[in-house]
Every structure is written in structure tokens, then in C-alpha cells.
Amino acid sequence: MVSIGARLREEREALQLSQEAFGTIAGVTKKSQINYEKNERSPDSNYLAAIAAAGADVLYILTGQRVGSTTTTPTSVQPISKGDRILLDNFHAAPEQVQAGVKTALGAFAPASAGGKRGKAA
């Protein structure tokens, strides 16, 4: 199994950065960067956020799975259309009572095969 440190080094090298340059981007010293790559220390969330902003695939570093790989992305997920996004934004902006009413109304039209959710308000 490839270690987090090895994947971290792989991402740094893919970005064509030295340990010192990568550490500077992440707000740590070259020595800290070396320790992370040797698995002698673990980076914190601020470090991970900084390297993600620089283009590193933090999901890959932590799990070994690339962002958008078929093993991490369900095949049934579809992009949200502009109309659906507007509907969701409006729903979330509505008061709780309005949201409850919308859920109740939509529940009345849900097909019976929708896991027994017909007519239930959440």
C-alpha cells in the first residue's frame, strides 16, 4: 500500500515544485515538508487546504483515489440543470413553513415505488 507521504510527494512532483517551494505554499518549513513525505509527521487541515488551492489532489493524497474517478463517483449522479438549481435555491431560501408545505404537496404526487415516502413531509 502506498503511503500518504509517498502520494504527497507524487503530487508535489506532478506540480513540479521543490520541497521548499511546496512547503512555502503550504505555510510550513522545508523540514516539515520532508517529515510529511517520510510519514514522520501528519499535515493539518490548513496545510491540506493550501496545497489543494495550489492544485494538489488532496482526496488522492489522503485516500489514494483520484477526484472524479469511477471508484469515487457514483454512476447515477447527473449534473443539476439550471432550472433545478433555481428551484433548489428558492426552496432553501423559503421559510421553514413554506418548505414543509412544499414537501407535503410533492409527497402527495410521489410514486408508490419511491420507498414508501408518498405523502410524508420531512
N, C-alpha and C. Protein backbone atom coordinates (compact mmCIF):
# COMPACT_ATOMS: atom_id res chain seq x y z
N MET A 1 0.84 -1.18 0.00
CA MET A 1 0.00 0.00 0.00
C MET A 1 0.88 1.25 0.00
N VAL A 2 0.56 2.19 -0.87
CA VAL A 2 1.33 3.43 -0.97
C VAL A 2 0.92 4.35 0.17
N SER A 3 1.91 4.95 0.81
CA SER A 3 1.65 5.80 1.98
C SER A 3 1.18 7.20 1.58
N ILE A 4 0.60 7.88 2.55
CA ILE A 4 0.18 9.27 2.34
C ILE A 4 1.40 10.12 1.97
N GLY A 5 2.51 9.89 2.64
CA GLY A 5 3.72 10.65 2.34
C GLY A 5 4.17 10.47 0.90
N ALA A 6 4.11 9.23 0.42
CA ALA A 6 4.51 8.95 -0.97
C ALA A 6 3.57 9.63 -1.96
N ARG A 7 2.26 9.60 -1.66
CA ARG A 7 1.30 10.27 -2.55
C ARG A 7 1.48 11.79 -2.49
N LEU A 8 1.81 12.31 -1.31
CA LEU A 8 2.06 13.73 -1.16
C LEU A 8 3.26 14.14 -2.03
N ARG A 9 4.31 13.36 -1.97
CA ARG A 9 5.49 13.63 -2.80
C ARG A 9 5.13 13.54 -4.28
N GLU A 10 4.35 12.54 -4.65
CA GLU A 10 3.92 12.37 -6.04
C GLU A 10 3.17 13.61 -6.53
N GLU A 11 2.26 14.14 -5.72
CA GLU A 11 1.51 15.34 -6.10
C GLU A 11 2.43 16.55 -6.19
N ARG A 12 3.36 16.68 -5.26
CA ARG A 12 4.31 17.81 -5.29
C ARG A 12 5.14 17.76 -6.56
N GLU A 13 5.63 16.58 -6.90
CA GLU A 13 6.45 16.42 -8.10
C GLU A 13 5.63 16.65 -9.37
N ALA A 14 4.37 16.25 -9.35
CA ALA A 14 3.49 16.48 -10.51
C ALA A 14 3.29 17.98 -10.74
N LEU A 15 3.32 18.75 -9.66
CA LEU A 15 3.21 20.21 -9.77
C LEU A 15 4.56 20.87 -10.05
N GLN A 16 5.60 20.04 -10.16
CA GLN A 16 6.97 20.48 -10.45
C GLN A 16 7.47 21.51 -9.44
N LEU A 17 7.26 21.18 -8.16
CA LEU A 17 7.69 22.06 -7.09
C LEU A 17 8.71 21.35 -6.20
N SER A 18 9.68 22.12 -5.71
CA SER A 18 10.63 21.57 -4.75
C SER A 18 9.94 21.43 -3.40
N GLN A 19 10.59 20.71 -2.50
CA GLN A 19 10.03 20.58 -1.15
C GLN A 19 9.94 21.94 -0.48
N GLU A 20 10.94 22.77 -0.69
CA GLU A 20 10.94 24.10 -0.08
C GLU A 20 9.80 24.96 -0.65
N ALA A 21 9.63 24.95 -1.97
CA ALA A 21 8.57 25.76 -2.60
C ALA A 21 7.19 25.27 -2.18
N PHE A 22 7.01 23.95 -2.14
CA PHE A 22 5.72 23.39 -1.76
C PHE A 22 5.41 23.73 -0.31
N GLY A 23 6.43 23.61 0.55
CA GLY A 23 6.26 23.96 1.95
C GLY A 23 5.90 25.43 2.13
N THR A 24 6.53 26.29 1.36
CA THR A 24 6.23 27.72 1.43
C THR A 24 4.77 27.99 1.06
N ILE A 25 4.30 27.35 0.00
CA ILE A 25 2.90 27.50 -0.42
C ILE A 25 1.97 27.08 0.72
N ALA A 26 2.36 26.01 1.41
CA ALA A 26 1.51 25.44 2.47
C ALA A 26 1.75 26.09 3.83
N GLY A 27 2.73 26.98 3.92
CA GLY A 27 2.99 27.66 5.18
C GLY A 27 3.80 26.86 6.18
N VAL A 28 4.63 25.94 5.67
CA VAL A 28 5.49 25.15 6.55
C VAL A 28 6.93 25.22 6.06
N THR A 29 7.85 24.78 6.88
CA THR A 29 9.26 24.77 6.51
C THR A 29 9.57 23.58 5.60
N LYS A 30 10.74 23.65 4.97
CA LYS A 30 11.19 22.53 4.14
C LYS A 30 11.31 21.27 5.00
N LYS A 31 11.80 21.42 6.22
CA LYS A 31 11.94 20.27 7.13
C LYS A 31 10.59 19.62 7.41
N SER A 32 9.54 20.44 7.64
CA SER A 32 8.20 19.88 7.86
C SER A 32 7.73 19.12 6.62
N GLN A 33 7.98 19.70 5.44
CA GLN A 33 7.59 19.04 4.20
C GLN A 33 8.28 17.69 4.07
N ILE A 34 9.55 17.65 4.39
CA ILE A 34 10.30 16.39 4.34
C ILE A 34 9.69 15.38 5.32
N ASN A 35 9.36 15.83 6.53
CA ASN A 35 8.76 14.94 7.53
C ASN A 35 7.42 14.40 7.07
N TYR A 36 6.62 15.21 6.39
CA TYR A 36 5.33 14.75 5.86
C TYR A 36 5.56 13.66 4.81
N GLU A 37 6.51 13.90 3.92
CA GLU A 37 6.77 12.94 2.84
C GLU A 37 7.39 11.64 3.36
N LYS A 38 8.05 11.70 4.51
CA LYS A 38 8.63 10.50 5.12
C LYS A 38 7.66 9.81 6.07
N ASN A 39 6.45 10.35 6.20
CA ASN A 39 5.44 9.83 7.13
C ASN A 39 5.88 9.93 8.59
N GLU A 40 6.75 10.87 8.89
CA GLU A 40 7.18 11.07 10.27
C GLU A 40 6.23 12.01 11.01
N ARG A 41 5.51 12.83 10.26
CA ARG A 41 4.50 13.73 10.81
C ARG A 41 3.33 13.77 9.85
N SER A 42 2.17 14.23 10.36
CA SER A 42 0.97 14.34 9.52
C SER A 42 0.59 15.81 9.35
N PRO A 43 0.28 16.21 8.12
CA PRO A 43 -0.11 17.60 7.90
C PRO A 43 -1.48 17.91 8.49
N ASP A 44 -1.70 19.19 8.84
CA ASP A 44 -3.00 19.58 9.38
C ASP A 44 -3.92 20.08 8.26
N SER A 45 -5.13 20.44 8.63
CA SER A 45 -6.13 20.84 7.64
C SER A 45 -5.75 22.13 6.92
N ASN A 46 -5.08 23.06 7.60
CA ASN A 46 -4.66 24.30 6.94
C ASN A 46 -3.65 24.00 5.83
N TYR A 47 -2.75 23.09 6.10
CA TYR A 47 -1.77 22.66 5.10
C TYR A 47 -2.49 22.05 3.90
N LEU A 48 -3.42 21.13 4.17
CA LEU A 48 -4.14 20.46 3.08
C LEU A 48 -4.95 21.45 2.25
N ALA A 49 -5.57 22.42 2.90
CA ALA A 49 -6.34 23.43 2.18
C ALA A 49 -5.43 24.26 1.28
N ALA A 50 -4.25 24.60 1.77
CA ALA A 50 -3.32 25.42 0.99
C ALA A 50 -2.81 24.66 -0.23
N ILE A 51 -2.48 23.39 -0.07
CA ILE A 51 -1.97 22.65 -1.23
C ILE A 51 -3.09 22.33 -2.22
N ALA A 52 -4.30 22.19 -1.71
CA ALA A 52 -5.44 21.99 -2.62
C ALA A 52 -5.62 23.23 -3.49
N ALA A 53 -5.48 24.41 -2.89
CA ALA A 53 -5.61 25.66 -3.64
C ALA A 53 -4.50 25.79 -4.68
N ALA A 54 -3.37 25.14 -4.43
CA ALA A 54 -2.25 25.17 -5.37
C ALA A 54 -2.38 24.12 -6.47
N GLY A 55 -3.41 23.27 -6.37
CA GLY A 55 -3.65 22.29 -7.43
C GLY A 55 -3.43 20.84 -7.05
N ALA A 56 -3.05 20.58 -5.81
CA ALA A 56 -2.84 19.19 -5.38
C ALA A 56 -4.18 18.50 -5.17
N ASP A 57 -4.25 17.23 -5.52
CA ASP A 57 -5.46 16.43 -5.34
C ASP A 57 -5.43 15.84 -3.92
N VAL A 58 -6.03 16.55 -2.97
CA VAL A 58 -5.98 16.14 -1.56
C VAL A 58 -6.72 14.83 -1.33
N LEU A 59 -7.80 14.60 -2.06
CA LEU A 59 -8.51 13.32 -1.93
C LEU A 59 -7.56 12.17 -2.26
N TYR A 60 -6.79 12.32 -3.32
CA TYR A 60 -5.82 11.29 -3.71
C TYR A 60 -4.75 11.12 -2.63
N ILE A 61 -4.25 12.23 -2.13
CA ILE A 61 -3.21 12.15 -1.10
C ILE A 61 -3.70 11.37 0.11
N LEU A 62 -4.93 11.64 0.54
CA LEU A 62 -5.46 11.00 1.75
C LEU A 62 -5.97 9.59 1.53
N THR A 63 -6.58 9.32 0.37
CA THR A 63 -7.25 8.03 0.17
C THR A 63 -6.65 7.16 -0.92
N GLY A 64 -5.87 7.76 -1.80
CA GLY A 64 -5.35 7.00 -2.93
C GLY A 64 -6.30 6.96 -4.11
N GLN A 65 -7.44 7.64 -4.01
CA GLN A 65 -8.41 7.68 -5.10
C GLN A 65 -8.46 9.09 -5.67
N ARG A 66 -8.41 9.17 -6.98
CA ARG A 66 -8.42 10.47 -7.66
C ARG A 66 -9.81 11.08 -7.66
N VAL A 67 -9.87 12.41 -7.63
CA VAL A 67 -11.13 13.13 -7.76
C VAL A 67 -11.73 12.78 -9.11
N GLY A 68 -13.02 12.42 -9.11
CA GLY A 68 -13.71 12.11 -10.36
C GLY A 68 -13.47 10.72 -10.89
N SER A 69 -12.71 9.89 -10.17
CA SER A 69 -12.51 8.52 -10.64
C SER A 69 -13.81 7.74 -10.48
N THR A 70 -13.98 6.70 -11.26
CA THR A 70 -15.22 5.94 -11.22
C THR A 70 -15.41 5.24 -9.88
N THR A 71 -14.34 5.06 -9.12
CA THR A 71 -14.48 4.41 -7.82
C THR A 71 -14.98 5.38 -6.76
N THR A 72 -14.90 6.70 -7.03
CA THR A 72 -15.35 7.66 -6.04
C THR A 72 -16.61 8.40 -6.46
N THR A 73 -17.00 8.27 -7.72
CA THR A 73 -18.17 8.99 -8.22
C THR A 73 -19.25 8.00 -8.62
N PRO A 74 -20.41 8.04 -7.98
CA PRO A 74 -21.49 7.13 -8.38
C PRO A 74 -21.88 7.39 -9.83
N THR A 75 -22.19 6.31 -10.56
CA THR A 75 -22.54 6.46 -11.97
C THR A 75 -23.91 7.07 -12.16
N SER A 76 -24.76 7.05 -11.14
CA SER A 76 -26.11 7.56 -11.29
C SER A 76 -26.22 9.07 -11.05
N VAL A 77 -25.14 9.72 -10.67
CA VAL A 77 -25.18 11.15 -10.39
C VAL A 77 -25.20 11.92 -11.71
N GLN A 78 -26.17 12.81 -11.84
CA GLN A 78 -26.30 13.65 -13.02
C GLN A 78 -26.09 15.10 -12.61
N PRO A 79 -25.54 15.92 -13.50
CA PRO A 79 -25.40 17.34 -13.17
C PRO A 79 -26.78 17.97 -12.95
N ILE A 80 -26.85 18.94 -12.07
CA ILE A 80 -28.11 19.64 -11.80
C ILE A 80 -28.32 20.69 -12.89
N SER A 81 -29.50 20.67 -13.49
CA SER A 81 -29.81 21.65 -14.53
C SER A 81 -29.97 23.03 -13.92
N LYS A 82 -29.92 24.05 -14.76
CA LYS A 82 -30.09 25.42 -14.29
C LYS A 82 -31.46 25.60 -13.63
N GLY A 83 -32.49 25.03 -14.24
CA GLY A 83 -33.84 25.13 -13.67
C GLY A 83 -33.95 24.47 -12.31
N ASP A 84 -33.34 23.28 -12.18
CA ASP A 84 -33.35 22.59 -10.89
C ASP A 84 -32.57 23.38 -9.84
N ARG A 85 -31.45 23.97 -10.24
CA ARG A 85 -30.64 24.77 -9.32
C ARG A 85 -31.46 25.95 -8.80
N ILE A 86 -32.19 26.63 -9.70
CA ILE A 86 -33.04 27.76 -9.30
C ILE A 86 -34.11 27.29 -8.32
N LEU A 87 -34.75 26.16 -8.64
CA LEU A 87 -35.78 25.60 -7.77
C LEU A 87 -35.22 25.30 -6.37
N LEU A 88 -34.06 24.66 -6.33
CA LEU A 88 -33.44 24.34 -5.04
C LEU A 88 -33.04 25.59 -4.27
N ASP A 89 -32.49 26.57 -4.97
CA ASP A 89 -32.11 27.82 -4.30
C ASP A 89 -33.33 28.50 -3.70
N ASN A 90 -34.42 28.55 -4.47
CA ASN A 90 -35.65 29.17 -3.96
C ASN A 90 -36.21 28.39 -2.78
N PHE A 91 -36.17 27.06 -2.86
CA PHE A 91 -36.66 26.22 -1.77
C PHE A 91 -35.87 26.50 -0.49
N HIS A 92 -34.55 26.52 -0.60
CA HIS A 92 -33.71 26.73 0.58
C HIS A 92 -33.84 28.14 1.13
N ALA A 93 -34.21 29.10 0.30
CA ALA A 93 -34.39 30.48 0.76
C ALA A 93 -35.75 30.70 1.42
N ALA A 94 -36.68 29.77 1.22
CA ALA A 94 -38.04 29.91 1.76
C ALA A 94 -38.07 29.63 3.26
N PRO A 95 -39.03 30.21 3.97
CA PRO A 95 -39.19 29.91 5.41
C PRO A 95 -39.52 28.42 5.62
N GLU A 96 -39.26 27.94 6.81
CA GLU A 96 -39.48 26.52 7.13
C GLU A 96 -40.91 26.08 6.87
N GLN A 97 -41.89 26.92 7.18
CA GLN A 97 -43.29 26.54 6.96
C GLN A 97 -43.57 26.35 5.47
N VAL A 98 -43.00 27.18 4.64
CA VAL A 98 -43.19 27.04 3.19
C VAL A 98 -42.52 25.75 2.71
N GLN A 99 -41.31 25.49 3.21
CA GLN A 99 -40.61 24.26 2.84
C GLN A 99 -41.43 23.03 3.23
N ALA A 100 -42.00 23.04 4.43
CA ALA A 100 -42.82 21.92 4.88
C ALA A 100 -44.03 21.73 3.98
N GLY A 101 -44.66 22.83 3.57
CA GLY A 101 -45.81 22.74 2.68
C GLY A 101 -45.44 22.18 1.32
N VAL A 102 -44.30 22.61 0.80
CA VAL A 102 -43.83 22.10 -0.50
C VAL A 102 -43.56 20.60 -0.40
N LYS A 103 -42.91 20.17 0.68
CA LYS A 103 -42.62 18.74 0.86
C LYS A 103 -43.91 17.93 0.93
N THR A 104 -44.89 18.44 1.65
CA THR A 104 -46.17 17.74 1.77
C THR A 104 -46.85 17.65 0.41
N ALA A 105 -46.88 18.76 -0.31
CA ALA A 105 -47.53 18.78 -1.63
C ALA A 105 -46.83 17.83 -2.60
N LEU A 106 -45.53 17.86 -2.63
CA LEU A 106 -44.80 16.97 -3.54
C LEU A 106 -44.91 15.51 -3.11
N GLY A 107 -44.97 15.27 -1.81
CA GLY A 107 -45.12 13.91 -1.32
C GLY A 107 -46.41 13.27 -1.78
N ALA A 108 -47.45 14.07 -1.97
CA ALA A 108 -48.74 13.55 -2.44
C ALA A 108 -48.65 13.02 -3.86
N PHE A 109 -47.68 13.50 -4.63
CA PHE A 109 -47.53 13.09 -6.02
C PHE A 109 -46.41 12.08 -6.24
N ALA A 110 -45.72 11.72 -5.17
CA ALA A 110 -44.61 10.78 -5.30
C ALA A 110 -45.13 9.41 -5.67
N PRO A 111 -44.44 8.72 -6.59
CA PRO A 111 -44.88 7.37 -6.94
C PRO A 111 -44.74 6.43 -5.74
N ALA A 112 -45.58 5.44 -5.70
CA ALA A 112 -45.57 4.48 -4.59
C ALA A 112 -44.24 3.76 -4.50
N SER A 113 -43.50 3.67 -5.60
CA SER A 113 -42.22 2.96 -5.61
C SER A 113 -41.09 3.81 -5.05
N ALA A 114 -41.38 5.01 -4.57
CA ALA A 114 -40.34 5.90 -4.05
C ALA A 114 -39.99 5.56 -2.61
N GLY A 115 -39.95 4.31 -2.28
CA GLY A 115 -39.52 3.89 -0.96
C GLY A 115 -40.52 4.18 0.13
N GLY A 116 -41.80 4.22 -0.19
CA GLY A 116 -42.82 4.43 0.83
C GLY A 116 -42.86 5.84 1.36
N LYS A 117 -42.36 6.81 0.59
CA LYS A 117 -42.32 8.19 1.06
C LYS A 117 -43.55 8.98 0.64
N ARG A 118 -44.47 8.35 0.00
CA ARG A 118 -45.66 9.03 -0.51
C ARG A 118 -46.42 9.70 0.63
N GLY A 119 -46.64 11.00 0.46
CA GLY A 119 -47.47 11.75 1.39
C GLY A 119 -46.79 12.15 2.68
N LYS A 120 -45.51 11.84 2.83
CA LYS A 120 -44.81 12.20 4.07
C LYS A 120 -44.10 13.53 3.90
N ALA A 121 -44.21 14.36 4.89
CA ALA A 121 -43.45 15.60 4.92
C ALA A 121 -42.24 15.38 5.80
N ALA A 122 -41.10 15.87 5.35
CA ALA A 122 -39.88 15.68 6.14
C ALA A 122 -39.72 16.75 7.18
